[in-house]
Amino acid sequence: MAAIGRHLRNAARKPNERLAAVDLAGLLTETQIIVEGRLKSARATLELDLAADLPPVRGGATRLQQVLVNLISNAADAVEGGADRRITLSARMQATPDGPRVGIRLRDRGPGVPPAIADRIFDPFYTTKQAGSGLGLGLSISYNIIRDFGGEITVRDAGPGAEFTITLPAAAADEAAA
């Protein structure tokens, strides 16, 4: 199973893809179109809260969009049937010792993520969904994509709901100008 997981993660990667500046606001416009049907079927709403001065992030647009689609779809699954079906995505600039970074937070109002699950949630083939509803690879692949970009992805119980945080390097000035 681990070998299959590695193969699938590598297939999802584009090892020769050059990292570049990605405009998060523009990418989210396209991402909303992709997840629109899933949000509608869950009767969920996606609220965006992006800082006006948000710089581009360093990454690959297609793979970052894959991560965002996965997280938003999982959030829609989590809130489906609940009383509060809001999903909030916010992004802010962060100053760190490693340089400027962009923090992206995605929060749902579903059942949350207990600590025992949070420790394993990015493992290949780990899923909290019913049999036949997923392979347990989406978060593992997302974790590896974000790491490929020099970033980090974490999860915490937000009581109610779960909150995923992605931290990515801001694009360098020469990348943003290209």
Protein backbone atom coordinates (compact mmCIF):
# COMPACT_ATOMS: atom_id res chain seq x y z
CA MET A 1 0.00 0.00 0.00
CA ALA A 2 2.85 2.38 0.80
CA ALA A 3 4.40 1.74 -2.62
CA ILE A 4 1.07 2.46 -4.32
CA GLY A 5 0.76 5.65 -2.26
CA ARG A 6 4.25 6.80 -3.31
CA HIS A 7 3.43 6.07 -6.94
CA LEU A 8 0.18 8.04 -6.80
CA ARG A 9 1.82 10.97 -5.01
CA ASN A 10 4.59 11.06 -7.60
CA ALA A 11 2.02 10.89 -10.39
CA ALA A 12 0.29 13.92 -8.90
CA ARG A 13 3.58 15.79 -8.83
CA LYS A 14 5.06 17.53 -11.80
CA PRO A 15 8.75 17.21 -10.86
CA ASN A 16 9.94 19.38 -13.75
CA GLU A 17 7.37 22.09 -13.12
CA ARG A 18 9.14 25.35 -12.45
CA LEU A 19 7.83 27.18 -9.42
CA ALA A 20 6.59 30.65 -10.20
CA ALA A 21 4.47 33.48 -8.84
CA VAL A 22 0.82 32.48 -8.43
CA ASP A 23 -1.86 35.13 -7.91
CA LEU A 24 -4.03 33.59 -5.22
CA ALA A 25 -7.06 35.83 -5.89
CA GLY A 26 -7.11 34.89 -9.57
CA LEU A 27 -6.59 31.22 -8.79
CA LEU A 28 -9.48 31.26 -6.30
CA THR A 29 -11.81 32.71 -8.94
CA GLU A 30 -11.14 29.65 -11.11
CA THR A 31 -11.26 27.31 -8.11
CA GLN A 32 -14.73 28.57 -7.16
CA ILE A 33 -15.99 27.58 -10.60
CA ILE A 34 -14.58 24.07 -10.16
CA VAL A 35 -16.12 23.52 -6.70
CA GLU A 36 -19.40 25.30 -7.42
CA GLY A 37 -21.34 22.09 -8.05
CA ARG A 38 -20.01 20.39 -4.92
CA LEU A 39 -20.82 23.42 -2.76
CA LYS A 40 -24.31 23.62 -4.25
CA SER A 41 -25.03 19.93 -3.61
CA ALA A 42 -23.93 20.34 0.04
CA ARG A 43 -25.88 23.63 0.26
CA ALA A 44 -22.65 25.16 1.55
CA THR A 45 -21.33 28.67 1.08
CA LEU A 46 -17.71 29.63 0.56
CA GLU A 47 -16.78 32.97 2.09
CA LEU A 48 -13.51 34.54 0.89
CA ASP A 49 -11.52 36.99 2.98
CA LEU A 50 -8.32 37.90 1.16
CA ALA A 51 -6.10 40.76 2.27
CA ALA A 52 -6.01 43.54 -0.32
CA ASP A 53 -2.20 43.67 -0.26
CA LEU A 54 -1.71 39.92 -0.71
CA PRO A 55 1.42 39.18 -2.74
CA PRO A 56 1.65 36.26 -5.16
CA VAL A 57 2.81 32.97 -3.64
CA ARG A 58 5.63 30.80 -4.93
CA GLY A 59 4.28 27.55 -6.32
CA GLY A 60 2.60 25.90 -9.27
CA ALA A 61 -0.88 27.12 -10.17
CA THR A 62 -2.31 23.75 -11.24
CA ARG A 63 -1.08 21.85 -8.22
CA LEU A 64 -2.04 24.62 -5.77
CA GLN A 65 -5.50 24.62 -7.28
CA GLN A 66 -5.62 20.83 -6.81
CA VAL A 67 -4.92 21.34 -3.09
CA LEU A 68 -7.56 24.06 -2.73
CA VAL A 69 -10.19 22.03 -4.58
CA ASN A 70 -9.46 19.04 -2.33
CA LEU A 71 -9.69 21.08 0.89
CA ILE A 72 -12.86 22.91 -0.15
CA SER A 73 -14.50 19.66 -1.29
CA ASN A 74 -13.59 17.99 2.01
CA ALA A 75 -15.02 20.99 3.87
CA ALA A 76 -18.26 20.68 1.88
CA ASP A 77 -18.41 17.01 2.89
CA ALA A 78 -17.90 18.01 6.53
CA VAL A 79 -20.69 20.60 6.64
CA GLU A 80 -23.22 18.74 4.51
CA GLY A 81 -26.36 18.17 6.55
CA GLY A 82 -25.20 20.51 9.32
CA ALA A 83 -26.91 23.63 10.60
CA ASP A 84 -23.99 25.96 9.75
CA ARG A 85 -22.69 25.24 6.27
CA ARG A 86 -20.27 28.13 5.97
CA ILE A 87 -16.74 27.49 4.76
CA THR A 88 -14.35 30.40 5.24
CA LEU A 89 -11.12 30.85 3.31
CA SER A 90 -8.87 33.70 4.39
CA ALA A 91 -5.37 34.70 3.36
CA ARG A 92 -2.95 37.10 5.02
CA MET A 93 0.67 38.13 4.67
CA GLN A 94 2.99 36.90 7.44
CA ALA A 95 6.46 38.12 8.37
CA THR A 96 8.66 35.21 9.48
CA PRO A 97 12.37 34.70 10.14
CA ASP A 98 12.44 32.78 6.82
CA GLY A 99 11.05 35.76 4.92
CA PRO A 100 7.59 36.87 3.85
CA ARG A 101 4.98 34.14 3.66
CA VAL A 102 1.29 33.92 2.93
CA GLY A 103 -0.99 32.10 5.35
CA ILE A 104 -4.14 30.56 3.86
CA ARG A 105 -6.77 29.31 6.32
CA LEU A 106 -9.73 27.19 5.37
CA ARG A 107 -12.29 26.61 8.09
CA ASP A 108 -15.48 24.60 8.00
CA ARG A 109 -18.20 24.30 10.67
CA GLY A 110 -18.44 20.51 10.58
CA PRO A 111 -17.68 17.97 13.30
CA GLY A 112 -14.02 18.99 13.63
CA VAL A 113 -10.82 16.98 13.84
CA PRO A 114 -10.02 15.25 17.14
CA PRO A 115 -6.29 15.21 18.05
CA ALA A 116 -6.01 11.46 17.41
CA ILE A 117 -7.15 12.01 13.84
CA ALA A 118 -5.11 15.19 13.32
CA ASP A 119 -1.92 13.20 13.95
CA ARG A 120 -2.73 10.85 11.06
CA ILE A 121 -4.85 12.90 8.68
CA PHE A 122 -2.06 13.46 6.13
CA ASP A 123 -1.05 9.77 6.05
CA PRO A 124 -1.70 7.92 2.77
CA PHE A 125 -4.91 5.86 2.74
CA TYR A 126 -6.18 7.40 5.99
CA THR A 127 -9.77 8.53 5.66
CA THR A 128 -12.64 9.42 7.93
CA LYS A 129 -15.16 8.90 5.13
CA GLN A 130 -17.38 5.87 4.74
CA ALA A 131 -16.12 2.99 2.60
CA GLY A 132 -16.40 3.81 -1.09
CA SER A 133 -16.35 7.58 -0.49
CA GLY A 134 -12.65 8.18 -0.88
CA LEU A 135 -9.25 6.54 -1.00
CA GLY A 136 -7.62 8.60 1.71
CA LEU A 137 -5.06 10.08 -0.68
CA GLY A 138 -6.27 13.66 -1.17
CA LEU A 139 -4.75 15.12 1.99
CA SER A 140 -1.57 13.08 1.62
CA ILE A 141 -1.09 14.37 -1.92
CA SER A 142 -1.94 17.91 -0.79
CA TYR A 143 0.64 17.67 2.00
CA ASN A 144 3.35 16.67 -0.47
CA ILE A 145 2.42 19.36 -2.98
CA ILE A 146 2.64 22.09 -0.34
CA ARG A 147 6.00 20.72 0.86
CA ASP A 148 7.24 20.75 -2.77
CA PHE A 149 6.49 24.48 -2.77
CA GLY A 150 8.56 25.03 0.38
CA GLY A 151 5.42 25.45 2.46
CA GLU A 152 3.59 23.75 5.28
CA ILE A 153 0.04 22.49 5.82
CA THR A 154 -1.46 21.82 9.23
CA VAL A 155 -4.87 21.05 10.69
CA ARG A 156 -6.48 21.84 14.03
CA ASP A 157 -9.85 21.38 15.62
CA ALA A 158 -11.59 24.76 15.44
CA GLY A 159 -14.52 23.79 17.69
CA PRO A 160 -16.87 23.68 15.82
CA GLY A 161 -15.21 22.55 12.65
CA ALA A 162 -11.76 21.98 11.30
CA GLU A 163 -9.22 24.57 10.20
CA PHE A 164 -6.51 23.80 7.69
CA THR A 165 -3.64 26.28 7.43
CA ILE A 166 -1.33 26.44 4.44
CA THR A 167 1.76 28.61 4.71
CA LEU A 168 3.60 29.35 1.47
CA PRO A 169 6.57 31.55 0.63
CA ALA A 170 5.65 34.84 -0.99
CA ALA A 171 7.01 35.04 -4.54
CA ALA A 172 10.26 36.94 -4.94
CA ALA A 173 10.02 40.29 -6.72
CA ASP A 174 11.67 38.90 -9.89
CA GLU A 175 9.21 35.96 -9.95
CA ALA A 176 6.22 38.26 -9.49
CA ALA A 177 7.39 40.52 -12.35
CA ALA A 178 7.82 37.59 -14.77
